[in-house]
Amino acid sequence: PGPMAVLFSLPLSTLRPRTTLRPLATLARAAPIVPAIKLPHGLTHQTPLVESLPLSAATGCQVLLKMDALQPSGSFKDRGMAYMCAALQSRGVTDLISSSGGNAGLAASAAGRKLGMRV
């Protein structure tokens, strides 16, 4: 597909004040907890970042939006559920049940099916 034009109408009052984030420190803390799982090809897609001109103008810095609606289930939850299903499968799990009927359940079902699990 070609480029996508997206317009957002967001009142300035809904913006939160800027904060200093330390993503590397967060990732370093999470590294020992999250096991390295190699995902099979096709479970998730690389989705583009699209600049939001209104948010960039409102905040005075470039604001990029991750277009995870382009994931197989239409949700960012595909990433987490793909890792969860791959981790479960690596432990011998063959059947998957989700109590969610929303995005999490749809993402778990899509990932489980692609891995050949019974969902």
PDB file of N, CA and C in Angstrom:
ATOM      1  N   PRO A   1       0.825  -1.199   0.000  1.00  0.00           N
ATOM      2  CA  PRO A   1       0.000   0.000   0.000  1.00  0.00           C
ATOM      3  C   PRO A   1       0.865   1.256   0.000  1.00  0.00           C
ATOM      4  N   GLY A   2       0.304   2.304  -0.512  1.00  0.00           N
ATOM      5  CA  GLY A   2       1.016   3.580  -0.565  1.00  0.00           C
ATOM      6  C   GLY A   2       0.946   4.335   0.744  1.00  0.00           C
ATOM      7  N   PRO A   3       1.444   5.570   0.749  1.00  0.00           N
ATOM      8  CA  PRO A   3       1.437   6.389   1.974  1.00  0.00           C
ATOM      9  C   PRO A   3       0.012   6.653   2.450  1.00  0.00           C
ATOM     10  N   MET A   4      -0.109   6.866   3.734  1.00  0.00           N
ATOM     11  CA  MET A   4      -1.407   7.080   4.331  1.00  0.00           C
ATOM     12  C   MET A   4      -1.428   8.485   4.942  1.00  0.00           C
ATOM     13  N   ALA A   5      -2.418   9.278   4.616  1.00  0.00           N
ATOM     14  CA  ALA A   5      -2.575  10.593   5.231  1.00  0.00           C
ATOM     15  C   ALA A   5      -3.510  10.448   6.417  1.00  0.00           C
ATOM     16  N   VAL A   6      -3.028  10.859   7.582  1.00  0.00           N
ATOM     17  CA  VAL A   6      -3.828  10.736   8.792  1.00  0.00           C
ATOM     18  C   VAL A   6      -3.911  12.103   9.449  1.00  0.00           C
ATOM     19  N   LEU A   7      -5.109  12.562   9.741  1.00  0.00           N
ATOM     20  CA  LEU A   7      -5.301  13.834  10.429  1.00  0.00           C
ATOM     21  C   LEU A   7      -5.879  13.563  11.807  1.00  0.00           C
ATOM     22  N   PHE A   8      -5.328  14.216  12.806  1.00  0.00           N
ATOM     23  CA  PHE A   8      -5.819  14.059  14.171  1.00  0.00           C
ATOM     24  C   PHE A   8      -6.258  15.422  14.675  1.00  0.00           C
ATOM     25  N   SER A   9      -7.405  15.466  15.295  1.00  0.00           N
ATOM     26  CA  SER A   9      -7.902  16.695  15.893  1.00  0.00           C
ATOM     27  C   SER A   9      -7.863  16.491  17.400  1.00  0.00           C
ATOM     28  N   LEU A  10      -6.907  17.124  18.053  1.00  0.00           N
ATOM     29  CA  LEU A  10      -6.706  16.902  19.478  1.00  0.00           C
ATOM     30  C   LEU A  10      -6.581  18.238  20.193  1.00  0.00           C
ATOM     31  N   PRO A  11      -7.467  18.531  21.139  1.00  0.00           N
ATOM     32  CA  PRO A  11      -7.361  19.791  21.877  1.00  0.00           C
ATOM     33  C   PRO A  11      -6.066  19.827  22.704  1.00  0.00           C
ATOM     34  N   LEU A  12      -5.464  20.999  22.769  1.00  0.00           N
ATOM     35  CA  LEU A  12      -4.214  21.143  23.521  1.00  0.00           C
ATOM     36  C   LEU A  12      -4.377  20.762  24.985  1.00  0.00           C
ATOM     37  N   SER A  13      -5.576  20.900  25.533  1.00  0.00           N
ATOM     38  CA  SER A  13      -5.791  20.590  26.952  1.00  0.00           C
ATOM     39  C   SER A  13      -5.616  19.106  27.253  1.00  0.00           C
ATOM     40  N   THR A  14      -5.644  18.258  26.232  1.00  0.00           N
ATOM     41  CA  THR A  14      -5.499  16.828  26.478  1.00  0.00           C
ATOM     42  C   THR A  14      -4.043  16.385  26.496  1.00  0.00           C
ATOM     43  N   LEU A  15      -3.122  17.267  26.141  1.00  0.00           N
ATOM     44  CA  LEU A  15      -1.706  16.896  26.113  1.00  0.00           C
ATOM     45  C   LEU A  15      -1.131  16.883  27.514  1.00  0.00           C
ATOM     46  N   ARG A  16      -0.304  15.908  27.784  1.00  0.00           N
ATOM     47  CA  ARG A  16       0.362  15.837  29.081  1.00  0.00           C
ATOM     48  C   ARG A  16       1.658  16.633  29.020  1.00  0.00           C
ATOM     49  N   PRO A  17       2.127  17.141  30.155  1.00  0.00           N
ATOM     50  CA  PRO A  17       3.410  17.838  30.158  1.00  0.00           C
ATOM     51  C   PRO A  17       4.530  16.882  29.753  1.00  0.00           C
ATOM     52  N   ARG A  18       5.578  17.433  29.203  1.00  0.00           N
ATOM     53  CA  ARG A  18       6.723  16.617  28.796  1.00  0.00           C
ATOM     54  C   ARG A  18       7.393  16.004  30.018  1.00  0.00           C
ATOM     55  N   THR A  19       7.855  14.799  29.857  1.00  0.00           N
ATOM     56  CA  THR A  19       8.604  14.130  30.915  1.00  0.00           C
ATOM     57  C   THR A  19       9.876  13.574  30.309  1.00  0.00           C
ATOM     58  N   THR A  20      10.872  13.338  31.120  1.00  0.00           N
ATOM     59  CA  THR A  20      12.104  12.735  30.651  1.00  0.00           C
ATOM     60  C   THR A  20      11.985  11.234  30.813  1.00  0.00           C
ATOM     61  N   LEU A  21      12.077  10.520  29.717  1.00  0.00           N
ATOM     62  CA  LEU A  21      11.982   9.068  29.746  1.00  0.00           C
ATOM     63  C   LEU A  21      13.375   8.474  29.648  1.00  0.00           C
ATOM     64  N   ARG A  22      13.568   7.339  30.272  1.00  0.00           N
ATOM     65  CA  ARG A  22      14.845   6.639  30.204  1.00  0.00           C
ATOM     66  C   ARG A  22      14.600   5.227  29.684  1.00  0.00           C
ATOM     67  N   PRO A  23      14.345   5.083  28.375  1.00  0.00           N
ATOM     68  CA  PRO A  23      13.994   3.770  27.862  1.00  0.00           C
ATOM     69  C   PRO A  23      15.102   2.741  27.996  1.00  0.00           C
ATOM     70  N   LEU A  24      16.361   3.156  27.887  1.00  0.00           N
ATOM     71  CA  LEU A  24      17.440   2.181  27.988  1.00  0.00           C
ATOM     72  C   LEU A  24      17.512   1.586  29.389  1.00  0.00           C
ATOM     73  N   ALA A  25      17.306   2.404  30.405  1.00  0.00           N
ATOM     74  CA  ALA A  25      17.319   1.898  31.779  1.00  0.00           C
ATOM     75  C   ALA A  25      16.165   0.915  31.979  1.00  0.00           C
ATOM     76  N   THR A  26      15.017   1.232  31.416  1.00  0.00           N
ATOM     77  CA  THR A  26      13.866   0.350  31.543  1.00  0.00           C
ATOM     78  C   THR A  26      14.141  -0.977  30.854  1.00  0.00           C
ATOM     79  N   LEU A  27      14.708  -0.921  29.654  1.00  0.00           N
ATOM     80  CA  LEU A  27      15.014  -2.153  28.932  1.00  0.00           C
ATOM     81  C   LEU A  27      16.065  -2.969  29.666  1.00  0.00           C
ATOM     82  N   ALA A  28      17.042  -2.302  30.242  1.00  0.00           N
ATOM     83  CA  ALA A  28      18.099  -3.020  30.966  1.00  0.00           C
ATOM     84  C   ALA A  28      17.513  -3.752  32.169  1.00  0.00           C
ATOM     85  N   ARG A  29      16.538  -3.130  32.847  1.00  0.00           N
ATOM     86  CA  ARG A  29      15.914  -3.795  33.996  1.00  0.00           C
ATOM     87  C   ARG A  29      15.069  -4.970  33.547  1.00  0.00           C
ATOM     88  N   ALA A  30      14.427  -4.863  32.388  1.00  0.00           N
ATOM     89  CA  ALA A  30      13.528  -5.914  31.920  1.00  0.00           C
ATOM     90  C   ALA A  30      14.286  -7.086  31.303  1.00  0.00           C
ATOM     91  N   ALA A  31      15.492  -6.854  30.823  1.00  0.00           N
ATOM     92  CA  ALA A  31      16.232  -7.893  30.100  1.00  0.00           C
ATOM     93  C   ALA A  31      16.355  -9.203  30.868  1.00  0.00           C
ATOM     94  N   PRO A  32      16.683  -9.197  32.174  1.00  0.00           N
ATOM     95  CA  PRO A  32      16.798 -10.486  32.866  1.00  0.00           C
ATOM     96  C   PRO A  32      15.451 -11.191  33.064  1.00  0.00           C
ATOM     97  N   ILE A  33      14.359 -10.448  33.005  1.00  0.00           N
ATOM     98  CA  ILE A  33      13.045 -11.009  33.267  1.00  0.00           C
ATOM     99  C   ILE A  33      12.446 -11.621  31.997  1.00  0.00           C
ATOM    100  N   VAL A  34      12.637 -10.962  30.868  1.00  0.00           N
ATOM    101  CA  VAL A  34      12.044 -11.396  29.608  1.00  0.00           C
ATOM    102  C   VAL A  34      13.019 -12.314  28.876  1.00  0.00           C
ATOM    103  N   PRO A  35      12.674 -13.585  28.716  1.00  0.00           N
ATOM    104  CA  PRO A  35      13.584 -14.496  28.028  1.00  0.00           C
ATOM    105  C   PRO A  35      13.657 -14.170  26.541  1.00  0.00           C
ATOM    106  N   ALA A  36      14.785 -14.452  25.929  1.00  0.00           N
ATOM    107  CA  ALA A  36      14.946 -14.211  24.497  1.00  0.00           C
ATOM    108  C   ALA A  36      14.163 -15.273  23.737  1.00  0.00           C
ATOM    109  N   ILE A  37      13.173 -14.862  23.006  1.00  0.00           N
ATOM    110  CA  ILE A  37      12.344 -15.765  22.214  1.00  0.00           C
ATOM    111  C   ILE A  37      12.485 -15.328  20.761  1.00  0.00           C
ATOM    112  N   LYS A  38      12.829 -16.260  19.909  1.00  0.00           N
ATOM    113  CA  LYS A  38      12.903 -15.944  18.476  1.00  0.00           C
ATOM    114  C   LYS A  38      11.533 -16.200  17.875  1.00  0.00           C
ATOM    115  N   LEU A  39      10.948 -15.135  17.334  1.00  0.00           N
ATOM    116  CA  LEU A  39       9.619 -15.261  16.747  1.00  0.00           C
ATOM    117  C   LEU A  39       9.717 -15.789  15.323  1.00  0.00           C
ATOM    118  N   PRO A  40       8.876 -16.749  14.969  1.00  0.00           N
ATOM    119  CA  PRO A  40       8.813 -17.187  13.574  1.00  0.00           C
ATOM    120  C   PRO A  40       8.385 -16.033  12.668  1.00  0.00           C
ATOM    121  N   HIS A  41       8.859 -16.045  11.451  1.00  0.00           N
ATOM    122  CA  HIS A  41       8.539 -15.001  10.485  1.00  0.00           C
ATOM    123  C   HIS A  41       7.024 -14.924  10.256  1.00  0.00           C
ATOM    124  N   GLY A  42       6.498 -13.720  10.204  1.00  0.00           N
ATOM    125  CA  GLY A  42       5.095 -13.512   9.869  1.00  0.00           C
ATOM    126  C   GLY A  42       4.143 -13.383  11.039  1.00  0.00           C
ATOM    127  N   LEU A  43       4.620 -13.600  12.276  1.00  0.00           N
ATOM    128  CA  LEU A  43       3.705 -13.449  13.419  1.00  0.00           C
ATOM    129  C   LEU A  43       3.311 -11.992  13.624  1.00  0.00           C
ATOM    130  N   THR A  44       4.264 -11.102  13.446  1.00  0.00           N
ATOM    131  CA  THR A  44       3.976  -9.672  13.524  1.00  0.00           C
ATOM    132  C   THR A  44       4.604  -9.011  12.313  1.00  0.00           C
ATOM    133  N   HIS A  45       4.172  -7.808  12.035  1.00  0.00           N
ATOM    134  CA  HIS A  45       4.711  -7.051  10.910  1.00  0.00           C
ATOM    135  C   HIS A  45       5.488  -5.853  11.430  1.00  0.00           C
ATOM    136  N   GLN A  46       6.453  -5.406  10.640  1.00  0.00           N
ATOM    137  CA  GLN A  46       7.093  -4.141  10.947  1.00  0.00           C
ATOM    138  C   GLN A  46       6.144  -3.058  10.459  1.00  0.00           C
ATOM    139  N   THR A  47       5.707  -2.231  11.368  1.00  0.00           N
ATOM    140  CA  THR A  47       4.733  -1.198  11.016  1.00  0.00           C
ATOM    141  C   THR A  47       5.416   0.160  10.996  1.00  0.00           C
ATOM    142  N   PRO A  48       4.941   1.057  10.136  1.00  0.00           N
ATOM    143  CA  PRO A  48       5.612   2.345   9.975  1.00  0.00           C
ATOM    144  C   PRO A  48       5.335   3.306  11.126  1.00  0.00           C
ATOM    145  N   LEU A  49       6.227   4.279  11.253  1.00  0.00           N
ATOM    146  CA  LEU A  49       6.010   5.425  12.117  1.00  0.00           C
ATOM    147  C   LEU A  49       5.552   6.572  11.224  1.00  0.00           C
ATOM    148  N   VAL A  50       4.490   7.239  11.612  1.00  0.00           N
ATOM    149  CA  VAL A  50       3.956   8.353  10.834  1.00  0.00           C
ATOM    150  C   VAL A  50       3.963   9.586  11.724  1.00  0.00           C
ATOM    151  N   GLU A  51       4.509  10.669  11.199  1.00  0.00           N
ATOM    152  CA  GLU A  51       4.548  11.890  12.003  1.00  0.00           C
ATOM    153  C   GLU A  51       3.155  12.502  12.101  1.00  0.00           C
ATOM    154  N   SER A  52       2.797  12.901  13.310  1.00  0.00           N
ATOM    155  CA  SER A  52       1.556  13.641  13.538  1.00  0.00           C
ATOM    156  C   SER A  52       1.921  15.117  13.532  1.00  0.00           C
ATOM    157  N   LEU A  53       1.580  15.794  12.448  1.00  0.00           N
ATOM    158  CA  LEU A  53       1.917  17.220  12.343  1.00  0.00           C
ATOM    159  C   LEU A  53       1.221  18.056  13.420  1.00  0.00           C
ATOM    160  N   PRO A  54      -0.086  17.816  13.709  1.00  0.00           N
ATOM    161  CA  PRO A  54      -0.716  18.617  14.769  1.00  0.00           C
ATOM    162  C   PRO A  54      -0.069  18.399  16.143  1.00  0.00           C
ATOM    163  N   LEU A  55       0.253  17.157  16.490  1.00  0.00           N
ATOM    164  CA  LEU A  55       0.881  16.911  17.788  1.00  0.00           C
ATOM    165  C   LEU A  55       2.305  17.446  17.822  1.00  0.00           C
ATOM    166  N   SER A  56       3.020  17.333  16.725  1.00  0.00           N
ATOM    167  CA  SER A  56       4.374  17.879  16.660  1.00  0.00           C
ATOM    168  C   SER A  56       4.344  19.393  16.847  1.00  0.00           C
ATOM    169  N   ALA A  57       3.411  20.045  16.178  1.00  0.00           N
ATOM    170  CA  ALA A  57       3.294  21.498  16.311  1.00  0.00           C
ATOM    171  C   ALA A  57       2.893  21.885  17.734  1.00  0.00           C
ATOM    172  N   ALA A  58       1.991  21.128  18.327  1.00  0.00           N
ATOM    173  CA  ALA A  58       1.494  21.455  19.670  1.00  0.00           C
ATOM    174  C   ALA A  58       2.554  21.255  20.750  1.00  0.00           C
ATOM    175  N   THR A  59       3.432  20.268  20.566  1.00  0.00           N
ATOM    176  CA  THR A  59       4.424  19.962  21.595  1.00  0.00           C
ATOM    177  C   THR A  59       5.785  20.603  21.336  1.00  0.00           C
ATOM    178  N   GLY A  60       6.001  21.076  20.113  1.00  0.00           N
ATOM    179  CA  GLY A  60       7.283  21.681  19.795  1.00  0.00           C
ATOM    180  C   GLY A  60       8.378  20.660  19.512  1.00  0.00           C
ATOM    181  N   CYS A  61       8.002  19.408  19.354  1.00  0.00           N
ATOM    182  CA  CYS A  61       8.974  18.375  18.996  1.00  0.00           C
ATOM    183  C   CYS A  61       8.279  17.375  18.070  1.00  0.00           C
ATOM    184  N   GLN A  62       9.074  16.611  17.369  1.00  0.00           N
ATOM    185  CA  GLN A  62       8.498  15.658  16.431  1.00  0.00           C
ATOM    186  C   GLN A  62       7.788  14.534  17.200  1.00  0.00           C
ATOM    187  N   VAL A  63       6.536  14.282  16.863  1.00  0.00           N
ATOM    188  CA  VAL A  63       5.760  13.208  17.474  1.00  0.00           C
ATOM    189  C   VAL A  63       5.466  12.180  16.387  1.00  0.00           C
ATOM    190  N   LEU A  64       5.945  10.976  16.614  1.00  0.00           N
ATOM    191  CA  LEU A  64       5.723   9.890  15.664  1.00  0.00           C
ATOM    192  C   LEU A  64       4.726   8.905  16.253  1.00  0.00           C
ATOM    193  N   LEU A  65       3.808   8.441  15.443  1.00  0.00           N
ATOM    194  CA  LEU A  65       2.803   7.480  15.875  1.00  0.00           C
ATOM    195  C   LEU A  65       3.095   6.138  15.217  1.00  0.00           C
ATOM    196  N   LYS A  66       3.131   5.090  16.006  1.00  0.00           N
ATOM    197  CA  LYS A  66       3.373   3.749  15.502  1.00  0.00           C
ATOM    198  C   LYS A  66       2.054   3.217  14.967  1.00  0.00           C
ATOM    199  N   MET A  67       2.031   2.811  13.728  1.00  0.00           N
ATOM    200  CA  MET A  67       0.793   2.410  13.059  1.00  0.00           C
ATOM    201  C   MET A  67       0.522   0.912  13.240  1.00  0.00           C
ATOM    202  N   ASP A  68       0.344   0.500  14.496  1.00  0.00           N
ATOM    203  CA  ASP A  68       0.125  -0.905  14.784  1.00  0.00           C
ATOM    204  C   ASP A  68      -1.257  -1.393  14.389  1.00  0.00           C
ATOM    205  N   ALA A  69      -2.113  -0.511  13.919  1.00  0.00           N
ATOM    206  CA  ALA A  69      -3.392  -0.957  13.365  1.00  0.00           C
ATOM    207  C   ALA A  69      -3.161  -1.779  12.102  1.00  0.00           C
ATOM    208  N   LEU A  70      -1.940  -1.745  11.572  1.00  0.00           N
ATOM    209  CA  LEU A  70      -1.596  -2.529  10.380  1.00  0.00           C
ATOM    210  C   LEU A  70      -1.096  -3.925  10.744  1.00  0.00           C
ATOM    211  N   GLN A  71      -1.102  -4.271  12.033  1.00  0.00           N
ATOM    212  CA  GLN A  71      -0.741  -5.621  12.454  1.00  0.00           C
ATOM    213  C   GLN A  71      -1.837  -6.593  12.015  1.00  0.00           C
ATOM    214  N   PRO A  72      -1.552  -7.899  11.965  1.00  0.00           N
ATOM    215  CA  PRO A  72      -2.567  -8.858  11.494  1.00  0.00           C
ATOM    216  C   PRO A  72      -3.932  -8.741  12.184  1.00  0.00           C
ATOM    217  N   SER A  73      -3.943  -8.511  13.501  1.00  0.00           N
ATOM    218  CA  SER A  73      -5.234  -8.407  14.191  1.00  0.00           C
ATOM    219  C   SER A  73      -5.705  -6.961  14.308  1.00  0.00           C
ATOM    220  N   GLY A  74      -4.914  -6.009  13.819  1.00  0.00           N
ATOM    221  CA  GLY A  74      -5.296  -4.603  13.893  1.00  0.00           C
ATOM    222  C   GLY A  74      -4.975  -3.948  15.223  1.00  0.00           C
ATOM    223  N   SER A  75      -4.087  -4.557  16.015  1.00  0.00           N
ATOM    224  CA  SER A  75      -3.811  -4.045  17.352  1.00  0.00           C
ATOM    225  C   SER A  75      -2.339  -4.192  17.711  1.00  0.00           C
ATOM    226  N   PHE A  76      -1.859  -3.302  18.576  1.00  0.00           N
ATOM    227  CA  PHE A  76      -0.482  -3.411  19.069  1.00  0.00           C
ATOM    228  C   PHE A  76      -0.296  -4.676  19.905  1.00  0.00           C
ATOM    229  N   LYS A  77      -1.369  -5.277  20.336  1.00  0.00           N
ATOM    230  CA  LYS A  77      -1.277  -6.451  21.201  1.00  0.00           C
ATOM    231  C   LYS A  77      -0.724  -7.670  20.476  1.00  0.00           C
ATOM    232  N   ASP A  78      -0.640  -7.609  19.156  1.00  0.00           N
ATOM    233  CA  ASP A  78      -0.047  -8.716  18.401  1.00  0.00           C
ATOM    234  C   ASP A  78       1.369  -9.017  18.876  1.00  0.00           C
ATOM    235  N   ARG A  79       2.134  -7.979  19.172  1.00  0.00           N
ATOM    236  CA  ARG A  79       3.533  -8.179  19.567  1.00  0.00           C
ATOM    237  C   ARG A  79       3.635  -8.991  20.859  1.00  0.00           C
ATOM    238  N   GLY A  80       2.933  -8.556  21.872  1.00  0.00           N
ATOM    239  CA  GLY A  80       2.991  -9.256  23.156  1.00  0.00           C
ATOM    240  C   GLY A  80       2.441 -10.665  23.079  1.00  0.00           C
ATOM    241  N   MET A  81       1.341 -10.826  22.381  1.00  0.00           N
ATOM    242  CA  MET A  81       0.731 -12.155  22.278  1.00  0.00           C
ATOM    243  C   MET A  81       1.574 -13.095  21.424  1.00  0.00           C
ATOM    244  N   ALA A  82       2.261 -12.559  20.427  1.00  0.00           N
ATOM    245  CA  ALA A  82       3.151 -13.396  19.612  1.00  0.00           C
ATOM    246  C   ALA A  82       4.275 -13.943  20.482  1.00  0.00           C
ATOM    247  N   TYR A  83       4.851 -13.091  21.327  1.00  0.00           N
ATOM    248  CA  TYR A  83       5.899 -13.554  22.242  1.00  0.00           C
ATOM    249  C   TYR A  83       5.352 -14.566  23.238  1.00  0.00           C
ATOM    250  N   MET A  84       4.167 -14.280  23.780  1.00  0.00           N
ATOM    251  CA  MET A  84       3.589 -15.197  24.757  1.00  0.00           C
ATOM    252  C   MET A  84       3.334 -16.567  24.128  1.00  0.00           C
ATOM    253  N   CYS A  85       2.723 -16.584  22.945  1.00  0.00           N
ATOM    254  CA  CYS A  85       2.413 -17.868  22.288  1.00  0.00           C
ATOM    255  C   CYS A  85       3.683 -18.622  21.926  1.00  0.00           C
ATOM    256  N   ALA A  86       4.695 -17.912  21.439  1.00  0.00           N
ATOM    257  CA  ALA A  86       5.961 -18.570  21.090  1.00  0.00           C
ATOM    258  C   ALA A  86       6.629 -19.137  22.341  1.00  0.00           C
ATOM    259  N   ALA A  87       6.562 -18.383  23.453  1.00  0.00           N
ATOM    260  CA  ALA A  87       7.150 -18.872  24.704  1.00  0.00           C
ATOM    261  C   ALA A  87       6.406 -20.108  25.209  1.00  0.00           C
ATOM    262  N   LEU A  88       5.081 -20.083  25.142  1.00  0.00           N
ATOM    263  CA  LEU A  88       4.289 -21.243  25.576  1.00  0.00           C
ATOM    264  C   LEU A  88       4.583 -22.452  24.694  1.00  0.00           C
ATOM    265  N   GLN A  89       4.665 -22.231  23.398  1.00  0.00           N
ATOM    266  CA  GLN A  89       4.943 -23.330  22.482  1.00  0.00           C
ATOM    267  C   GLN A  89       6.331 -23.924  22.751  1.00  0.00           C
ATOM    268  N   SER A  90       7.305 -23.075  23.080  1.00  0.00           N
ATOM    269  CA  SER A  90       8.650 -23.574  23.373  1.00  0.00           C
ATOM    270  C   SER A  90       8.668 -24.433  24.639  1.00  0.00           C
ATOM    271  N   ARG A  91       7.628 -24.299  25.471  1.00  0.00           N
ATOM    272  CA  ARG A  91       7.501 -25.108  26.693  1.00  0.00           C
ATOM    273  C   ARG A  91       6.579 -26.307  26.486  1.00  0.00           C
ATOM    274  N   GLY A  92       6.176 -26.538  25.234  1.00  0.00           N
ATOM    275  CA  GLY A  92       5.379 -27.716  24.936  1.00  0.00           C
ATOM    276  C   GLY A  92       3.882 -27.522  24.924  1.00  0.00           C
ATOM    277  N   VAL A  93       3.421 -26.305  25.115  1.00  0.00           N
ATOM    278  CA  VAL A  93       1.978 -26.047  25.106  1.00  0.00           C
ATOM    279  C   VAL A  93       1.471 -26.140  23.670  1.00  0.00           C
ATOM    280  N   THR A  94       0.368 -26.847  23.476  1.00  0.00           N
ATOM    281  CA  THR A  94      -0.198 -27.005  22.127  1.00  0.00           C
ATOM    282  C   THR A  94      -1.589 -26.402  21.989  1.00  0.00           C
ATOM    283  N   ASP A  95      -2.253 -26.131  23.117  1.00  0.00           N
ATOM    284  CA  ASP A  95      -3.608 -25.577  23.106  1.00  0.00           C
ATOM    285  C   ASP A  95      -3.607 -24.223  23.801  1.00  0.00           C
ATOM    286  N   LEU A  96      -4.438 -23.310  23.308  1.00  0.00           N
ATOM    287  CA  LEU A  96      -4.471 -21.958  23.848  1.00  0.00           C
ATOM    288  C   LEU A  96      -5.919 -21.538  24.072  1.00  0.00           C
ATOM    289  N   ILE A  97      -6.204 -21.028  25.267  1.00  0.00           N
ATOM    290  CA  ILE A  97      -7.522 -20.493  25.594  1.00  0.00           C
ATOM    291  C   ILE A  97      -7.312 -19.078  26.108  1.00  0.00           C
ATOM    292  N   SER A  98      -8.112 -18.142  25.632  1.00  0.00           N
ATOM    293  CA  SER A  98      -8.032 -16.760  26.094  1.00  0.00           C
ATOM    294  C   SER A  98      -9.380 -16.351  26.667  1.00  0.00           C
ATOM    295  N   SER A  99      -9.354 -15.648  27.775  1.00  0.00           N
ATOM    296  CA  SER A  99     -10.609 -15.179  28.370  1.00  0.00           C
ATOM    297  C   SER A  99     -11.027 -13.838  27.783  1.00  0.00           C
ATOM    298  N   SER A 100     -10.233 -13.301  26.864  1.00  0.00           N
ATOM    299  CA  SER A 100     -10.547 -12.006  26.259  1.00  0.00           C
ATOM    300  C   SER A 100     -11.262 -12.188  24.933  1.00  0.00           C
ATOM    301  N   GLY A 101     -12.303 -11.437  24.748  1.00  0.00           N
ATOM    302  CA  GLY A 101     -12.977 -11.391  23.455  1.00  0.00           C
ATOM    303  C   GLY A 101     -12.612 -10.138  22.696  1.00  0.00           C
ATOM    304  N   GLY A 102     -11.666  -9.375  23.240  1.00  0.00           N
ATOM    305  CA  GLY A 102     -11.246  -8.122  22.613  1.00  0.00           C
ATOM    306  C   GLY A 102      -9.953  -8.281  21.839  1.00  0.00           C
ATOM    307  N   ASN A 103      -9.184  -7.191  21.780  1.00  0.00           N
ATOM    308  CA  ASN A 103      -7.941  -7.182  21.010  1.00  0.00           C
ATOM    309  C   ASN A 103      -6.945  -8.227  21.491  1.00  0.00           C
ATOM    310  N   ALA A 104      -6.842  -8.427  22.801  1.00  0.00           N
ATOM    311  CA  ALA A 104      -5.887  -9.408  23.323  1.00  0.00           C
ATOM    312  C   ALA A 104      -6.268 -10.815  22.887  1.00  0.00           C
ATOM    313  N   GLY A 105      -7.539 -11.145  22.961  1.00  0.00           N
ATOM    314  CA  GLY A 105      -7.989 -12.463  22.547  1.00  0.00           C
ATOM    315  C   GLY A 105      -7.810 -12.691  21.061  1.00  0.00           C
ATOM    316  N   LEU A 106      -8.108 -11.670  20.273  1.00  0.00           N
ATOM    317  CA  LEU A 106      -7.940 -11.772  18.829  1.00  0.00           C
ATOM    318  C   LEU A 106      -6.464 -11.947  18.476  1.00  0.00           C
ATOM    319  N   ALA A 107      -5.592 -11.182  19.136  1.00  0.00           N
ATOM    320  CA  ALA A 107      -4.153 -11.284  18.871  1.00  0.00           C
ATOM    321  C   ALA A 107      -3.613 -12.646  19.301  1.00  0.00           C
ATOM    322  N   ALA A 108      -4.066 -13.147  20.452  1.00  0.00           N
ATOM    323  CA  ALA A 108      -3.622 -14.467  20.916  1.00  0.00           C
ATOM    324  C   ALA A 108      -4.083 -15.551  19.948  1.00  0.00           C
ATOM    325  N   SER A 109      -5.315 -15.438  19.475  1.00  0.00           N
ATOM    326  CA  SER A 109      -5.850 -16.409  18.532  1.00  0.00           C
ATOM    327  C   SER A 109      -5.075 -16.395  17.213  1.00  0.00           C
ATOM    328  N   ALA A 110      -4.788 -15.196  16.703  1.00  0.00           N
ATOM    329  CA  ALA A 110      -4.058 -15.079  15.435  1.00  0.00           C
ATOM    330  C   ALA A 110      -2.653 -15.655  15.564  1.00  0.00           C
ATOM    331  N   ALA A 111      -1.957 -15.328  16.658  1.00  0.00           N
ATOM    332  CA  ALA A 111      -0.594 -15.837  16.852  1.00  0.00           C
ATOM    333  C   ALA A 111      -0.607 -17.338  17.078  1.00  0.00           C
ATOM    334  N   GLY A 112      -1.531 -17.811  17.900  1.00  0.00           N
ATOM    335  CA  GLY A 112      -1.614 -19.246  18.165  1.00  0.00           C
ATOM    336  C   GLY A 112      -1.868 -20.057  16.908  1.00  0.00           C
ATOM    337  N   ARG A 113      -2.773 -19.566  16.080  1.00  0.00           N
ATOM    338  CA  ARG A 113      -3.066 -20.274  14.824  1.00  0.00           C
ATOM    339  C   ARG A 113      -1.854 -20.316  13.906  1.00  0.00           C
ATOM    340  N   LYS A 114      -1.161 -19.184  13.787  1.00  0.00           N
ATOM    341  CA  LYS A 114       0.025 -19.152  12.925  1.00  0.00           C
ATOM    342  C   LYS A 114       1.120 -20.084  13.423  1.00  0.00           C
ATOM    343  N   LEU A 115       1.124 -20.335  14.721  1.00  0.00           N
ATOM    344  CA  LEU A 115       2.112 -21.261  15.291  1.00  0.00           C
ATOM    345  C   LEU A 115       1.623 -22.715  15.257  1.00  0.00           C
ATOM    346  N   GLY A 116       0.409 -22.937  14.770  1.00  0.00           N
ATOM    347  CA  GLY A 116      -0.125 -24.292  14.685  1.00  0.00           C
ATOM    348  C   GLY A 116      -0.728 -24.792  15.980  1.00  0.00           C
ATOM    349  N   MET A 117      -1.014 -23.881  16.909  1.00  0.00           N
ATOM    350  CA  MET A 117      -1.630 -24.263  18.176  1.00  0.00           C
ATOM    351  C   MET A 117      -3.137 -24.412  17.970  1.00  0.00           C
ATOM    352  N   ARG A 118      -3.758 -25.187  18.817  1.00  0.00           N
ATOM    353  CA  ARG A 118      -5.217 -25.291  18.820  1.00  0.00           C
ATOM    354  C   ARG A 118      -5.740 -24.147  19.683  1.00  0.00           C
ATOM    355  N   VAL A 119      -6.569 -23.275  19.098  1.00  0.00           N
ATOM    356  CA  VAL A 119      -7.073 -22.106  19.841  1.00  0.00           C
ATOM    357  C   VAL A 119      -8.583 -22.175  19.949  1.00  0.00           C
TER     358      VAL A 119
END
